[in-house]
Amino acid sequence: IGGSLIGQAVVKTSGETFLNEVSGQTEYIPNGNIFIV
């Protein structure tokens, strides 16, 4: 619970963000910040 909520926050706030033009949904890609947190 704790790790997933923190991990989700890290990916959504400081990961790589893209817009999928087909689905219209925002995509979130994890980067190295998951390791430092």
PDB file of all heavy atoms in Angstrom:
ATOM      1  N   ILE A   1       0.838  -1.198   0.000  1.00  0.00           N
ATOM      2  CA  ILE A   1       0.000   0.000   0.000  1.00  0.00           C
ATOM      3  C   ILE A   1       0.875   1.251   0.000  1.00  0.00           C
ATOM      4  O   ILE A   1       0.728   2.132  -0.857  1.00  0.00           O
ATOM      5  CB  ILE A   1      -0.949  -0.005   1.207  1.00  0.00           C
ATOM      6  CG1 ILE A   1      -1.989  -1.122   1.077  1.00  0.00           C
ATOM      7  CG2 ILE A   1      -1.654   1.346   1.337  1.00  0.00           C
ATOM      8  CD1 ILE A   1      -2.899  -1.269   2.275  1.00  0.00           C
ATOM      9  N   GLY A   2       1.798   1.315   0.960  1.00  0.00           N
ATOM     10  CA  GLY A   2       2.660   2.500   1.053  1.00  0.00           C
ATOM     11  C   GLY A   2       3.556   2.669  -0.153  1.00  0.00           C
ATOM     12  O   GLY A   2       3.660   3.760  -0.733  1.00  0.00           O
ATOM     13  N   GLY A   3       4.213   1.574  -0.562  1.00  0.00           N
ATOM     14  CA  GLY A   3       5.146   1.650  -1.688  1.00  0.00           C
ATOM     15  C   GLY A   3       4.462   1.964  -3.001  1.00  0.00           C
ATOM     16  O   GLY A   3       4.973   2.752  -3.810  1.00  0.00           O
ATOM     17  N   SER A   4       3.275   1.363  -3.222  1.00  0.00           N
ATOM     18  CA  SER A   4       2.580   1.602  -4.495  1.00  0.00           C
ATOM     19  C   SER A   4       2.064   3.031  -4.595  1.00  0.00           C
ATOM     20  O   SER A   4       2.129   3.649  -5.665  1.00  0.00           O
ATOM     21  CB  SER A   4       1.427   0.606  -4.662  1.00  0.00           C
ATOM     22  OG  SER A   4       0.446   0.782  -3.651  1.00  0.00           O
ATOM     23  N   LEU A   5       1.561   3.570  -3.490  1.00  0.00           N
ATOM     24  CA  LEU A   5       1.077   4.956  -3.511  1.00  0.00           C
ATOM     25  C   LEU A   5       2.218   5.942  -3.729  1.00  0.00           C
ATOM     26  O   LEU A   5       2.085   6.912  -4.497  1.00  0.00           O
ATOM     27  CB  LEU A   5       0.340   5.272  -2.207  1.00  0.00           C
ATOM     28  CG  LEU A   5      -1.002   4.560  -2.004  1.00  0.00           C
ATOM     29  CD1 LEU A   5      -1.554   4.828  -0.609  1.00  0.00           C
ATOM     30  CD2 LEU A   5      -2.006   4.990  -3.068  1.00  0.00           C
ATOM     31  N   ILE A   6       3.352   5.702  -3.066  1.00  0.00           N
ATOM     32  CA  ILE A   6       4.511   6.572  -3.267  1.00  0.00           C
ATOM     33  C   ILE A   6       5.034   6.424  -4.694  1.00  0.00           C
ATOM     34  O   ILE A   6       5.340   7.411  -5.380  1.00  0.00           O
ATOM     35  CB  ILE A   6       5.617   6.251  -2.249  1.00  0.00           C
ATOM     36  CG1 ILE A   6       5.154   6.551  -0.829  1.00  0.00           C
ATOM     37  CG2 ILE A   6       6.887   7.069  -2.556  1.00  0.00           C
ATOM     38  CD1 ILE A   6       6.105   6.067   0.253  1.00  0.00           C
ATOM     39  N   GLY A   7       5.135   5.173  -5.153  1.00  0.00           N
ATOM     40  CA  GLY A   7       5.627   4.922  -6.504  1.00  0.00           C
ATOM     41  C   GLY A   7       4.752   5.566  -7.562  1.00  0.00           C
ATOM     42  O   GLY A   7       5.250   6.167  -8.527  1.00  0.00           O
ATOM     43  N   GLN A   8       3.439   5.449  -7.397  1.00  0.00           N
ATOM     44  CA  GLN A   8       2.515   6.076  -8.348  1.00  0.00           C
ATOM     45  C   GLN A   8       2.722   7.586  -8.376  1.00  0.00           C
ATOM     46  O   GLN A   8       2.752   8.209  -9.449  1.00  0.00           O
ATOM     47  CB  GLN A   8       1.071   5.760  -7.975  1.00  0.00           C
ATOM     48  CG  GLN A   8       0.041   6.466  -8.858  1.00  0.00           C
ATOM     49  CD  GLN A   8      -1.392   6.215  -8.414  1.00  0.00           C
ATOM     50  OE1 GLN A   8      -1.713   5.136  -7.979  1.00  0.00           O
ATOM     51  NE2 GLN A   8      -2.241   7.224  -8.506  1.00  0.00           N
ATOM     52  N   ALA A   9       2.866   8.193  -7.195  1.00  0.00           N
ATOM     53  CA  ALA A   9       3.074   9.646  -7.121  1.00  0.00           C
ATOM     54  C   ALA A   9       4.367  10.055  -7.821  1.00  0.00           C
ATOM     55  O   ALA A   9       4.406  11.067  -8.532  1.00  0.00           O
ATOM     56  CB  ALA A   9       3.093  10.098  -5.661  1.00  0.00           C
ATOM     57  N   VAL A  10       5.426   9.247  -7.624  1.00  0.00           N
ATOM     58  CA  VAL A  10       6.712   9.553  -8.253  1.00  0.00           C
ATOM     59  C   VAL A  10       6.602   9.473  -9.769  1.00  0.00           C
ATOM     60  O   VAL A  10       7.071  10.366 -10.493  1.00  0.00           O
ATOM     61  CB  VAL A  10       7.805   8.583  -7.746  1.00  0.00           C
ATOM     62  CG1 VAL A  10       9.104   8.779  -8.532  1.00  0.00           C
ATOM     63  CG2 VAL A  10       8.062   8.794  -6.261  1.00  0.00           C
ATOM     64  N   VAL A  11       5.976   8.410 -10.275  1.00  0.00           N
ATOM     65  CA  VAL A  11       5.856   8.224 -11.724  1.00  0.00           C
ATOM     66  C   VAL A  11       4.988   9.316 -12.349  1.00  0.00           C
ATOM     67  O   VAL A  11       5.310   9.860 -13.415  1.00  0.00           O
ATOM     68  CB  VAL A  11       5.276   6.829 -12.050  1.00  0.00           C
ATOM     69  CG1 VAL A  11       4.996   6.697 -13.549  1.00  0.00           C
ATOM     70  CG2 VAL A  11       6.236   5.741 -11.598  1.00  0.00           C
ATOM     71  N   LYS A  12       3.886   9.664 -11.674  1.00  0.00           N
ATOM     72  CA  LYS A  12       2.972  10.653 -12.251  1.00  0.00           C
ATOM     73  C   LYS A  12       3.497  12.083 -12.164  1.00  0.00           C
ATOM     74  O   LYS A  12       3.176  12.922 -13.023  1.00  0.00           O
ATOM     75  CB  LYS A  12       1.605  10.563 -11.566  1.00  0.00           C
ATOM     76  CG  LYS A  12       0.745   9.412 -12.072  1.00  0.00           C
ATOM     77  CD  LYS A  12      -0.708   9.602 -11.689  1.00  0.00           C
ATOM     78  CE  LYS A  12      -1.608   8.646 -12.459  1.00  0.00           C
ATOM     79  NZ  LYS A  12      -3.038   8.871 -12.197  1.00  0.00           N
ATOM     80  N   THR A  13       4.290  12.383 -11.138  1.00  0.00           N
ATOM     81  CA  THR A  13       4.742  13.768 -10.954  1.00  0.00           C
ATOM     82  C   THR A  13       6.129  14.044 -11.510  1.00  0.00           C
ATOM     83  O   THR A  13       6.431  15.172 -11.883  1.00  0.00           O
ATOM     84  CB  THR A  13       4.725  14.153  -9.460  1.00  0.00           C
ATOM     85  OG1 THR A  13       5.588  13.268  -8.728  1.00  0.00           O
ATOM     86  CG2 THR A  13       3.320  14.071  -8.896  1.00  0.00           C
ATOM     87  N   SER A  14       6.990  13.002 -11.566  1.00  0.00           N
ATOM     88  CA  SER A  14       8.360  13.262 -12.022  1.00  0.00           C
ATOM     89  C   SER A  14       8.852  12.262 -13.062  1.00  0.00           C
ATOM     90  O   SER A  14      10.032  12.235 -13.392  1.00  0.00           O
ATOM     91  CB  SER A  14       9.327  13.260 -10.825  1.00  0.00           C
ATOM     92  OG  SER A  14       9.378  11.981 -10.212  1.00  0.00           O
ATOM     93  N   GLY A  15       7.941  11.415 -13.576  1.00  0.00           N
ATOM     94  CA  GLY A  15       8.308  10.498 -14.649  1.00  0.00           C
ATOM     95  C   GLY A  15       8.152  11.169 -16.003  1.00  0.00           C
ATOM     96  O   GLY A  15       7.975  12.393 -16.104  1.00  0.00           O
ATOM     97  N   GLU A  16       8.217  10.370 -17.056  1.00  0.00           N
ATOM     98  CA  GLU A  16       8.046  10.887 -18.419  1.00  0.00           C
ATOM     99  C   GLU A  16       6.566  10.779 -18.790  1.00  0.00           C
ATOM    100  O   GLU A  16       5.953   9.722 -18.605  1.00  0.00           O
ATOM    101  CB  GLU A  16       8.895  10.080 -19.404  1.00  0.00           C
ATOM    102  CG  GLU A  16      10.359   9.941 -18.980  1.00  0.00           C
ATOM    103  CD  GLU A  16      11.077  11.274 -18.908  1.00  0.00           C
ATOM    104  OE1 GLU A  16      10.907  12.082 -19.849  1.00  0.00           O
ATOM    105  OE2 GLU A  16      11.799  11.513 -17.915  1.00  0.00           O
ATOM    106  N   THR A  17       5.993  11.862 -19.295  1.00  0.00           N
ATOM    107  CA  THR A  17       4.570  11.901 -19.605  1.00  0.00           C
ATOM    108  C   THR A  17       4.345  12.107 -21.104  1.00  0.00           C
ATOM    109  O   THR A  17       4.991  12.960 -21.723  1.00  0.00           O
ATOM    110  CB  THR A  17       3.879  13.036 -18.825  1.00  0.00           C
ATOM    111  OG1 THR A  17       4.151  12.878 -17.433  1.00  0.00           O
ATOM    112  CG2 THR A  17       2.379  13.004 -19.048  1.00  0.00           C
ATOM    113  N   PHE A  18       3.427  11.310 -21.677  1.00  0.00           N
ATOM    114  CA  PHE A  18       3.119  11.406 -23.099  1.00  0.00           C
ATOM    115  C   PHE A  18       1.605  11.351 -23.294  1.00  0.00           C
ATOM    116  O   PHE A  18       0.878  10.795 -22.476  1.00  0.00           O
ATOM    117  CB  PHE A  18       3.762  10.250 -23.882  1.00  0.00           C
ATOM    118  CG  PHE A  18       5.251  10.148 -23.720  1.00  0.00           C
ATOM    119  CD1 PHE A  18       5.799   9.325 -22.733  1.00  0.00           C
ATOM    120  CD2 PHE A  18       6.104  10.880 -24.527  1.00  0.00           C
ATOM    121  CE1 PHE A  18       7.166   9.227 -22.572  1.00  0.00           C
ATOM    122  CE2 PHE A  18       7.475  10.791 -24.373  1.00  0.00           C
ATOM    123  CZ  PHE A  18       8.012   9.963 -23.402  1.00  0.00           C
ATOM    124  N   LEU A  19       1.136  11.915 -24.402  1.00  0.00           N
ATOM    125  CA  LEU A  19      -0.269  11.835 -24.761  1.00  0.00           C
ATOM    126  C   LEU A  19      -0.430  10.832 -25.895  1.00  0.00           C
ATOM    127  O   LEU A  19       0.173  10.981 -26.960  1.00  0.00           O
ATOM    128  CB  LEU A  19      -0.809  13.196 -25.209  1.00  0.00           C
ATOM    129  CG  LEU A  19      -2.293  13.208 -25.653  1.00  0.00           C
ATOM    130  CD1 LEU A  19      -3.194  12.851 -24.470  1.00  0.00           C
ATOM    131  CD2 LEU A  19      -2.670  14.556 -26.242  1.00  0.00           C
ATOM    132  N   ASN A  20      -1.221   9.785 -25.635  1.00  0.00           N
ATOM    133  CA  ASN A  20      -1.500   8.790 -26.673  1.00  0.00           C
ATOM    134  C   ASN A  20      -2.557   9.367 -27.615  1.00  0.00           C
ATOM    135  O   ASN A  20      -3.710   9.549 -27.234  1.00  0.00           O
ATOM    136  CB  ASN A  20      -2.006   7.490 -26.033  1.00  0.00           C
ATOM    137  CG  ASN A  20      -2.126   6.359 -27.035  1.00  0.00           C
ATOM    138  OD1 ASN A  20      -2.611   6.544 -28.142  1.00  0.00           O
ATOM    139  ND2 ASN A  20      -1.699   5.170 -26.626  1.00  0.00           N
ATOM    140  N   GLU A  21      -2.154   9.682 -28.837  1.00  0.00           N
ATOM    141  CA  GLU A  21      -3.049  10.346 -29.779  1.00  0.00           C
ATOM    142  C   GLU A  21      -4.183   9.436 -30.245  1.00  0.00           C
ATOM    143  O   GLU A  21      -5.226   9.917 -30.688  1.00  0.00           O
ATOM    144  CB  GLU A  21      -2.250  10.846 -30.985  1.00  0.00           C
ATOM    145  CG  GLU A  21      -1.233  11.924 -30.608  1.00  0.00           C
ATOM    146  CD  GLU A  21      -0.467  12.426 -31.819  1.00  0.00           C
ATOM    147  OE1 GLU A  21      -0.695  11.890 -32.926  1.00  0.00           O
ATOM    148  OE2 GLU A  21       0.362  13.343 -31.649  1.00  0.00           O
ATOM    149  N   VAL A  22      -3.996   8.126 -30.144  1.00  0.00           N
ATOM    150  CA  VAL A  22      -5.032   7.181 -30.572  1.00  0.00           C
ATOM    151  C   VAL A  22      -6.138   7.073 -29.525  1.00  0.00           C
ATOM    152  O   VAL A  22      -7.329   7.217 -29.821  1.00  0.00           O
ATOM    153  CB  VAL A  22      -4.428   5.789 -30.854  1.00  0.00           C
ATOM    154  CG1 VAL A  22      -5.539   4.806 -31.210  1.00  0.00           C
ATOM    155  CG2 VAL A  22      -3.394   5.882 -31.956  1.00  0.00           C
ATOM    156  N   SER A  23      -5.728   6.818 -28.268  1.00  0.00           N
ATOM    157  CA  SER A  23      -6.716   6.636 -27.196  1.00  0.00           C
ATOM    158  C   SER A  23      -7.096   7.946 -26.509  1.00  0.00           C
ATOM    159  O   SER A  23      -8.120   8.034 -25.842  1.00  0.00           O
ATOM    160  CB  SER A  23      -6.176   5.658 -26.147  1.00  0.00           C
ATOM    161  OG  SER A  23      -5.036   6.215 -25.492  1.00  0.00           O
ATOM    162  N   GLY A  24      -6.229   8.947 -26.645  1.00  0.00           N
ATOM    163  CA  GLY A  24      -6.471  10.219 -25.974  1.00  0.00           C
ATOM    164  C   GLY A  24      -6.093  10.210 -24.508  1.00  0.00           C
ATOM    165  O   GLY A  24      -6.339  11.181 -23.781  1.00  0.00           O
ATOM    166  N   GLN A  25      -5.472   9.119 -24.046  1.00  0.00           N
ATOM    167  CA  GLN A  25      -5.105   8.988 -22.639  1.00  0.00           C
ATOM    168  C   GLN A  25      -3.657   9.417 -22.407  1.00  0.00           C
ATOM    169  O   GLN A  25      -2.809   9.276 -23.285  1.00  0.00           O
ATOM    170  CB  GLN A  25      -5.295   7.540 -22.171  1.00  0.00           C
ATOM    171  CG  GLN A  25      -6.741   7.079 -22.197  1.00  0.00           C
ATOM    172  CD  GLN A  25      -6.874   5.615 -21.815  1.00  0.00           C
ATOM    173  OE1 GLN A  25      -5.919   4.853 -21.916  1.00  0.00           O
ATOM    174  NE2 GLN A  25      -8.058   5.224 -21.385  1.00  0.00           N
ATOM    175  N   THR A  26      -3.414   9.937 -21.218  1.00  0.00           N
ATOM    176  CA  THR A  26      -2.056  10.311 -20.837  1.00  0.00           C
ATOM    177  C   THR A  26      -1.296   9.069 -20.402  1.00  0.00           C
ATOM    178  O   THR A  26      -1.811   8.260 -19.630  1.00  0.00           O
ATOM    179  CB  THR A  26      -2.070  11.333 -19.693  1.00  0.00           C
ATOM    180  OG1 THR A  26      -2.820  12.481 -20.093  1.00  0.00           O
ATOM    181  CG2 THR A  26      -0.649  11.756 -19.331  1.00  0.00           C
ATOM    182  N   GLU A  27      -0.081   8.906 -20.871  1.00  0.00           N
ATOM    183  CA  GLU A  27       0.748   7.759 -20.524  1.00  0.00           C
ATOM    184  C   GLU A  27       1.900   8.216 -19.629  1.00  0.00           C
ATOM    185  O   GLU A  27       2.497   9.267 -19.854  1.00  0.00           O
ATOM    186  CB  GLU A  27       1.292   7.091 -21.790  1.00  0.00           C
ATOM    187  CG  GLU A  27       0.190   6.540 -22.699  1.00  0.00           C
ATOM    188  CD  GLU A  27       0.754   5.839 -23.919  1.00  0.00           C
ATOM    189  OE1 GLU A  27       1.940   6.059 -24.253  1.00  0.00           O
ATOM    190  OE2 GLU A  27       0.003   5.053 -24.541  1.00  0.00           O
ATOM    191  N   TYR A  28       2.181   7.409 -18.622  1.00  0.00           N
ATOM    192  CA  TYR A  28       3.213   7.740 -17.646  1.00  0.00           C
ATOM    193  C   TYR A  28       4.312   6.674 -17.668  1.00  0.00           C
ATOM    194  O   TYR A  28       4.038   5.490 -17.444  1.00  0.00           O
ATOM    195  CB  TYR A  28       2.615   7.834 -16.244  1.00  0.00           C
ATOM    196  CG  TYR A  28       1.492   8.853 -16.125  1.00  0.00           C
ATOM    197  CD1 TYR A  28       0.164   8.461 -16.296  1.00  0.00           C
ATOM    198  CD2 TYR A  28       1.769  10.180 -15.850  1.00  0.00           C
ATOM    199  CE1 TYR A  28      -0.871   9.387 -16.190  1.00  0.00           C
ATOM    200  CE2 TYR A  28       0.743  11.111 -15.736  1.00  0.00           C
ATOM    201  CZ  TYR A  28      -0.573  10.712 -15.912  1.00  0.00           C
ATOM    202  OH  TYR A  28      -1.595  11.620 -15.803  1.00  0.00           O
ATOM    203  N   ILE A  29       5.539   7.098 -17.904  1.00  0.00           N
ATOM    204  CA  ILE A  29       6.673   6.175 -17.987  1.00  0.00           C
ATOM    205  C   ILE A  29       7.618   6.435 -16.818  1.00  0.00           C
ATOM    206  O   ILE A  29       8.065   7.573 -16.619  1.00  0.00           O
ATOM    207  CB  ILE A  29       7.434   6.354 -19.324  1.00  0.00           C
ATOM    208  CG1 ILE A  29       6.469   6.279 -20.512  1.00  0.00           C
ATOM    209  CG2 ILE A  29       8.546   5.319 -19.434  1.00  0.00           C
ATOM    210  CD1 ILE A  29       5.735   4.974 -20.635  1.00  0.00           C
ATOM    211  N   PRO A  30       7.958   5.424 -16.028  1.00  0.00           N
ATOM    212  CA  PRO A  30       8.874   5.630 -14.892  1.00  0.00           C
ATOM    213  C   PRO A  30      10.298   5.896 -15.344  1.00  0.00           C
ATOM    214  O   PRO A  30      10.771   5.320 -16.322  1.00  0.00           O
ATOM    215  CB  PRO A  30       8.782   4.302 -14.128  1.00  0.00           C
ATOM    216  CG  PRO A  30       8.360   3.294 -15.157  1.00  0.00           C
ATOM    217  CD  PRO A  30       7.480   4.031 -16.132  1.00  0.00           C
ATOM    218  N   ASN A  31      10.983   6.784 -14.622  1.00  0.00           N
ATOM    219  CA  ASN A  31      12.408   7.030 -14.876  1.00  0.00           C
ATOM    220  C   ASN A  31      13.211   6.756 -13.603  1.00  0.00           C
ATOM    221  O   ASN A  31      12.704   6.137 -12.663  1.00  0.00           O
ATOM    222  CB  ASN A  31      12.632   8.457 -15.392  1.00  0.00           C
ATOM    223  CG  ASN A  31      12.103   9.521 -14.426  1.00  0.00           C
ATOM    224  OD1 ASN A  31      11.948   9.268 -13.228  1.00  0.00           O
ATOM    225  ND2 ASN A  31      11.811  10.701 -14.941  1.00  0.00           N
ATOM    226  N   GLY A  32      14.456   7.214 -13.551  1.00  0.00           N
ATOM    227  CA  GLY A  32      15.344   6.898 -12.436  1.00  0.00           C
ATOM    228  C   GLY A  32      14.924   7.451 -11.091  1.00  0.00           C
ATOM    229  O   GLY A  32      15.474   7.043 -10.052  1.00  0.00           O
ATOM    230  N   ASN A  33      13.954   8.336 -11.049  1.00  0.00           N
ATOM    231  CA  ASN A  33      13.503   8.889  -9.771  1.00  0.00           C
ATOM    232  C   ASN A  33      12.907   7.830  -8.846  1.00  0.00           C
ATOM    233  O   ASN A  33      12.882   8.013  -7.627  1.00  0.00           O
ATOM    234  CB  ASN A  33      12.477  10.000 -10.017  1.00  0.00           C
ATOM    235  CG  ASN A  33      13.101  11.232 -10.636  1.00  0.00           C
ATOM    236  OD1 ASN A  33      14.268  11.527 -10.407  1.00  0.00           O
ATOM    237  ND2 ASN A  33      12.333  11.959 -11.447  1.00  0.00           N
ATOM    238  N   ILE A  34      12.427   6.731  -9.413  1.00  0.00           N
ATOM    239  CA  ILE A  34      11.889   5.660  -8.558  1.00  0.00           C
ATOM    240  C   ILE A  34      12.971   5.084  -7.650  1.00  0.00           C
ATOM    241  O   ILE A  34      12.696   4.641  -6.531  1.00  0.00           O
ATOM    242  CB  ILE A  34      11.248   4.535  -9.387  1.00  0.00           C
ATOM    243  CG1 ILE A  34      12.231   3.960 -10.411  1.00  0.00           C
ATOM    244  CG2 ILE A  34       9.972   5.017 -10.073  1.00  0.00           C
ATOM    245  CD1 ILE A  34      11.711   2.749 -11.180  1.00  0.00           C
ATOM    246  N   PHE A  35      14.235   5.124  -8.113  1.00  0.00           N
ATOM    247  CA  PHE A  35      15.333   4.558  -7.324  1.00  0.00           C
ATOM    248  C   PHE A  35      15.743   5.487  -6.182  1.00  0.00           C
ATOM    249  O   PHE A  35      15.983   5.034  -5.060  1.00  0.00           O
ATOM    250  CB  PHE A  35      16.531   4.265  -8.222  1.00  0.00           C
ATOM    251  CG  PHE A  35      16.235   3.297  -9.327  1.00  0.00           C
ATOM    252  CD1 PHE A  35      16.354   3.666 -10.660  1.00  0.00           C
ATOM    253  CD2 PHE A  35      15.798   2.008  -9.048  1.00  0.00           C
ATOM    254  CE1 PHE A  35      16.074   2.784 -11.679  1.00  0.00           C
ATOM    255  CE2 PHE A  35      15.503   1.108 -10.064  1.00  0.00           C
ATOM    256  CZ  PHE A  35      15.639   1.504 -11.388  1.00  0.00           C
ATOM    257  N   ILE A  36      15.812   6.784  -6.460  1.00  0.00           N
ATOM    258  CA  ILE A  36      16.259   7.718  -5.427  1.00  0.00           C
ATOM    259  C   ILE A  36      15.220   7.858  -4.316  1.00  0.00           C
ATOM    260  O   ILE A  36      15.557   7.939  -3.127  1.00  0.00           O
ATOM    261  CB  ILE A  36      16.601   9.096  -6.042  1.00  0.00           C
ATOM    262  CG1 ILE A  36      17.465   9.915  -5.073  1.00  0.00           C
ATOM    263  CG2 ILE A  36      15.379   9.874  -6.448  1.00  0.00           C
ATOM    264  CD1 ILE A  36      18.850   9.368  -4.852  1.00  0.00           C
ATOM    265  N   VAL A  37      13.946   7.846  -4.672  1.00  0.00           N
ATOM    266  CA  VAL A  37      12.891   7.924  -3.660  1.00  0.00           C
ATOM    267  C   VAL A  37      12.848   6.624  -2.858  1.00  0.00           C
ATOM    268  O   VAL A  37      12.709   6.637  -1.625  1.00  0.00           O
ATOM    269  CB  VAL A  37      11.525   8.218  -4.305  1.00  0.00           C
ATOM    270  CG1 VAL A  37      10.414   8.166  -3.257  1.00  0.00           C
ATOM    271  CG2 VAL A  37      11.537   9.579  -4.988  1.00  0.00           C
TER     272      VAL A  37
END
